[in-house]
Amino acid sequence: MMHTAVGWHVEMEFTEDDQHTRAVAMVRLPDGSEVRAHGHASRHYTDSNQPRVGEEIAGARALNELAMQMLDKAHREIDDASGRVSHPIHV
């Protein structure tokens, strides 16, 4: 039996100012669909300016949201294929 390897490429983009970092995560799936999610981080005015930390927090939040959307998509596809309502997929 032969197995096919599938790869997903996740793209991340960041926008920043002195106080806020916003991240957008996007994955293109083999079925042609795209899933996008957003994350946000805010720097307290007393914290030192560390853009990398803001990117890590905003990026992690975007990836977490992306993961939840992927679970929801998989759940809908299971229901559509089975013709019934299944239990939600939890992390």
C-alpha atoms as a PDB file:
ATOM      1  CA  MET A   1       0.000   0.000   0.000  1.00  0.00           C
ATOM      2  CA  MET A   2       1.373   3.394  -0.991  1.00  0.00           C
ATOM      3  CA  HIS A   3       0.942   6.485   1.159  1.00  0.00           C
ATOM      4  CA  THR A   4       0.905  10.006  -0.214  1.00  0.00           C
ATOM      5  CA  ALA A   5       2.564  12.763   1.757  1.00  0.00           C
ATOM      6  CA  VAL A   6       0.577  15.980   1.918  1.00  0.00           C
ATOM      7  CA  GLY A   7       2.065  19.324   2.894  1.00  0.00           C
ATOM      8  CA  TRP A   8       0.422  22.480   4.108  1.00  0.00           C
ATOM      9  CA  HIS A   9       2.079  25.869   3.958  1.00  0.00           C
ATOM     10  CA  VAL A  10       1.051  28.408   6.568  1.00  0.00           C
ATOM     11  CA  GLU A  11       1.724  32.066   5.828  1.00  0.00           C
ATOM     12  CA  MET A  12       2.016  34.662   8.564  1.00  0.00           C
ATOM     13  CA  GLU A  13       1.958  38.429   8.137  1.00  0.00           C
ATOM     14  CA  PHE A  14       2.429  41.036  10.842  1.00  0.00           C
ATOM     15  CA  THR A  15       1.651  44.728  11.159  1.00  0.00           C
ATOM     16  CA  GLU A  16       2.998  46.673  14.098  1.00  0.00           C
ATOM     17  CA  ASP A  17       3.080  50.068  15.692  1.00  0.00           C
ATOM     18  CA  ASP A  18       4.566  51.134  19.034  1.00  0.00           C
ATOM     19  CA  GLN A  19       1.752  49.576  21.067  1.00  0.00           C
ATOM     20  CA  HIS A  20       0.067  46.883  18.934  1.00  0.00           C
ATOM     21  CA  THR A  21       0.967  43.873  16.840  1.00  0.00           C
ATOM     22  CA  ARG A  22      -1.536  42.229  14.528  1.00  0.00           C
ATOM     23  CA  ALA A  23      -0.998  38.884  12.860  1.00  0.00           C
ATOM     24  CA  VAL A  24      -2.799  37.141  10.024  1.00  0.00           C
ATOM     25  CA  ALA A  25      -2.304  33.410   9.517  1.00  0.00           C
ATOM     26  CA  MET A  26      -3.425  31.692   6.332  1.00  0.00           C
ATOM     27  CA  VAL A  27      -3.245  28.102   5.141  1.00  0.00           C
ATOM     28  CA  ARG A  28      -4.080  26.829   1.649  1.00  0.00           C
ATOM     29  CA  LEU A  29      -5.482  23.324   1.707  1.00  0.00           C
ATOM     30  CA  PRO A  30      -5.216  20.649  -0.992  1.00  0.00           C
ATOM     31  CA  ASP A  31      -8.964  20.986  -1.704  1.00  0.00           C
ATOM     32  CA  GLY A  32      -8.317  24.567  -2.871  1.00  0.00           C
ATOM     33  CA  SER A  33      -9.832  26.249   0.169  1.00  0.00           C
ATOM     34  CA  GLU A  34      -8.066  28.829   2.312  1.00  0.00           C
ATOM     35  CA  VAL A  35      -8.505  29.375   6.022  1.00  0.00           C
ATOM     36  CA  ARG A  36      -7.502  32.717   7.589  1.00  0.00           C
ATOM     37  CA  ALA A  37      -7.283  33.810  11.192  1.00  0.00           C
ATOM     38  CA  HIS A  38      -6.194  36.901  13.094  1.00  0.00           C
ATOM     39  CA  GLY A  39      -4.306  37.503  16.316  1.00  0.00           C
ATOM     40  CA  HIS A  40      -3.521  40.635  18.301  1.00  0.00           C
ATOM     41  CA  ALA A  41      -1.076  41.681  21.003  1.00  0.00           C
ATOM     42  CA  SER A  42      -0.864  44.957  22.934  1.00  0.00           C
ATOM     43  CA  ARG A  43       2.160  46.307  24.755  1.00  0.00           C
ATOM     44  CA  HIS A  44       1.609  47.936  28.111  1.00  0.00           C
ATOM     45  CA  TYR A  45       3.103  51.417  28.067  1.00  0.00           C
ATOM     46  CA  THR A  46       5.515  50.529  30.914  1.00  0.00           C
ATOM     47  CA  ASP A  47       6.940  47.489  29.059  1.00  0.00           C
ATOM     48  CA  SER A  48      10.042  47.818  26.916  1.00  0.00           C
ATOM     49  CA  ASN A  49       9.485  47.778  23.148  1.00  0.00           C
ATOM     50  CA  GLN A  50      10.184  44.184  22.036  1.00  0.00           C
ATOM     51  CA  PRO A  51       8.581  43.646  18.608  1.00  0.00           C
ATOM     52  CA  ARG A  52       9.590  39.957  18.557  1.00  0.00           C
ATOM     53  CA  VAL A  53       7.538  39.276  21.691  1.00  0.00           C
ATOM     54  CA  GLY A  54       4.499  41.014  20.209  1.00  0.00           C
ATOM     55  CA  GLU A  55       4.891  38.925  17.046  1.00  0.00           C
ATOM     56  CA  GLU A  56       5.119  35.723  19.058  1.00  0.00           C
ATOM     57  CA  ILE A  57       1.971  36.510  21.047  1.00  0.00           C
ATOM     58  CA  ALA A  58      -0.072  37.786  18.096  1.00  0.00           C
ATOM     59  CA  GLY A  59       1.202  34.941  15.907  1.00  0.00           C
ATOM     60  CA  ALA A  60       0.367  32.292  18.502  1.00  0.00           C
ATOM     61  CA  ARG A  61      -3.128  33.720  18.896  1.00  0.00           C
ATOM     62  CA  ALA A  62      -3.647  33.705  15.117  1.00  0.00           C
ATOM     63  CA  LEU A  63      -2.397  30.106  14.867  1.00  0.00           C
ATOM     64  CA  ASN A  64      -4.653  29.078  17.746  1.00  0.00           C
ATOM     65  CA  GLU A  65      -7.652  30.608  15.964  1.00  0.00           C
ATOM     66  CA  LEU A  66      -6.548  28.921  12.731  1.00  0.00           C
ATOM     67  CA  ALA A  67      -6.441  25.575  14.539  1.00  0.00           C
ATOM     68  CA  MET A  68      -9.965  26.080  15.904  1.00  0.00           C
ATOM     69  CA  GLN A  69     -11.270  26.945  12.441  1.00  0.00           C
ATOM     70  CA  MET A  70      -9.606  23.812  11.028  1.00  0.00           C
ATOM     71  CA  LEU A  71     -11.287  21.683  13.713  1.00  0.00           C
ATOM     72  CA  ASP A  72     -14.665  23.269  12.889  1.00  0.00           C
ATOM     73  CA  LYS A  73     -14.095  22.650   9.161  1.00  0.00           C
ATOM     74  CA  ALA A  74     -13.214  19.002   9.799  1.00  0.00           C
ATOM     75  CA  HIS A  75     -16.288  18.599  12.014  1.00  0.00           C
ATOM     76  CA  ARG A  76     -18.576  19.983   9.282  1.00  0.00           C
ATOM     77  CA  GLU A  77     -16.985  17.688   6.699  1.00  0.00           C
ATOM     78  CA  ILE A  78     -17.506  14.654   8.959  1.00  0.00           C
ATOM     79  CA  ASP A  79     -21.176  15.605   9.382  1.00  0.00           C
ATOM     80  CA  ASP A  80     -21.637  16.217   5.652  1.00  0.00           C
ATOM     81  CA  ALA A  81     -20.057  12.877   4.727  1.00  0.00           C
ATOM     82  CA  SER A  82     -21.964  10.877   7.348  1.00  0.00           C
ATOM     83  CA  GLY A  83     -25.320  12.629   6.994  1.00  0.00           C
ATOM     84  CA  ARG A  84     -25.645  12.990  10.750  1.00  0.00           C
ATOM     85  CA  VAL A  85     -24.658  15.412  13.500  1.00  0.00           C
ATOM     86  CA  SER A  86     -21.583  14.266  15.386  1.00  0.00           C
ATOM     87  CA  HIS A  87     -20.036  15.443  18.607  1.00  0.00           C
ATOM     88  CA  PRO A  88     -17.852  18.560  18.272  1.00  0.00           C
ATOM     89  CA  ILE A  89     -14.122  18.000  18.073  1.00  0.00           C
ATOM     90  CA  HIS A  90     -12.370  19.368  21.154  1.00  0.00           C
ATOM     91  CA  VAL A  91      -8.727  20.208  21.677  1.00  0.00           C
END
